[in-house]
Amino acid sequence: MTYKFNEENTLIQIRRNIDRTYEQHYAGEKYQATDMIIDAGHGESFCIGNIMKYSMRFGKKDNKKAELHKIIHYAIIALHLQEKKDD
């Protein structure tokens, strides 16, 4: 498939970014804060709140690309939670 907006490369970059997230400091723990928030029943709202947070501060920090990757990662988590509800 040929993509118009370089989606294939962007998806590869997003996956690398998510992989790095799991390799960072909190990932070594048994549970991450996100796991506990999801277990408490607040996962979808937490994800939407983080999407809003990173969207609101977009462009105010040096690494705009990192901000967009965080938005996408939280959207993926929210999508996963929604899919679990639909099952």
Protein backbone atom coordinates (compact mmCIF):
# COMPACT_ATOMS: atom_id res chain seq x y z
CA MET A 1 0.00 0.00 0.00
CA THR A 2 1.19 3.50 -0.76
CA TYR A 3 0.48 6.09 1.91
CA LYS A 4 0.05 9.75 1.11
CA PHE A 5 1.27 11.20 4.41
CA ASN A 6 4.20 8.90 5.27
CA GLU A 7 2.00 6.94 7.68
CA GLU A 8 4.09 3.78 7.42
CA ASN A 9 7.23 5.54 8.68
CA THR A 10 5.25 7.45 11.30
CA LEU A 11 3.78 4.21 12.67
CA ILE A 12 7.29 2.77 12.93
CA GLN A 13 8.41 5.86 14.85
CA ILE A 14 5.42 5.63 17.17
CA ARG A 15 6.16 1.99 17.91
CA ARG A 16 9.79 2.84 18.72
CA ASN A 17 8.65 5.62 21.02
CA ILE A 18 6.23 3.30 22.83
CA ASP A 19 8.98 0.67 23.13
CA ARG A 20 11.25 3.29 24.75
CA THR A 21 8.46 4.19 27.18
CA TYR A 22 8.38 0.59 28.38
CA GLU A 23 12.17 0.64 28.81
CA GLN A 24 12.21 3.78 30.96
CA HIS A 25 12.30 4.19 34.73
CA TYR A 26 8.73 3.23 35.69
CA ALA A 27 8.62 0.23 33.35
CA GLY A 28 10.87 -1.79 35.66
CA GLU A 29 8.20 -1.83 38.35
CA LYS A 30 5.57 -4.54 38.47
CA TYR A 31 2.79 -1.97 38.01
CA GLN A 32 2.89 1.39 36.34
CA ALA A 33 0.68 4.25 37.53
CA THR A 34 -1.44 3.81 34.41
CA ASP A 35 -2.12 0.16 35.38
CA MET A 36 -3.32 1.19 38.83
CA ILE A 37 -5.49 3.99 37.44
CA ILE A 38 -7.06 1.56 34.94
CA ASP A 39 -7.63 -1.01 37.70
CA ALA A 40 -9.40 1.68 39.75
CA GLY A 41 -11.81 2.24 36.85
CA HIS A 42 -10.48 5.60 35.72
CA GLY A 43 -8.37 4.52 32.75
CA GLU A 44 -10.34 6.02 29.90
CA SER A 45 -10.73 9.38 31.65
CA PHE A 46 -7.05 9.35 32.60
CA CYS A 47 -6.05 8.79 28.97
CA ILE A 48 -8.41 11.47 27.65
CA GLY A 49 -7.12 13.87 30.31
CA ASN A 50 -3.53 13.22 29.27
CA ILE A 51 -4.44 13.68 25.61
CA MET A 52 -5.95 17.05 26.55
CA LYS A 53 -2.91 17.97 28.68
CA TYR A 54 -0.38 17.23 25.95
CA SER A 55 -2.58 18.88 23.33
CA MET A 56 -2.87 22.07 25.40
CA ARG A 57 0.86 22.35 25.93
CA PHE A 58 1.78 21.38 22.37
CA GLY A 59 4.35 23.79 21.00
CA LYS A 60 5.28 25.22 24.39
CA LYS A 61 8.21 22.83 24.79
CA ASP A 62 11.08 22.12 22.43
CA ASN A 63 10.16 18.61 21.33
CA LYS A 64 6.80 18.90 19.57
CA LYS A 65 7.19 15.44 18.09
CA ALA A 66 7.48 13.86 21.55
CA GLU A 67 4.29 15.61 22.63
CA LEU A 68 2.42 14.22 19.63
CA HIS A 69 3.78 10.74 20.33
CA LYS A 70 2.45 10.95 23.89
CA ILE A 71 -0.97 11.99 22.60
CA ILE A 72 -0.99 9.04 20.21
CA HIS A 73 0.18 6.60 22.90
CA TYR A 74 -2.59 7.66 25.29
CA ALA A 75 -5.09 7.44 22.41
CA ILE A 76 -3.92 3.88 21.74
CA ILE A 77 -4.39 2.97 25.41
CA ALA A 78 -7.87 4.56 25.39
CA LEU A 79 -8.73 2.65 22.24
CA HIS A 80 -7.59 -0.58 23.88
CA LEU A 81 -9.78 0.12 26.92
CA GLN A 82 -12.76 0.88 24.68
CA GLU A 83 -12.24 -2.31 22.72
CA LYS A 84 -12.18 -4.28 25.98
CA LYS A 85 -15.53 -2.73 26.92
CA ASP A 86 -16.98 -3.68 23.54
CA ASP A 87 -15.97 -7.35 23.88
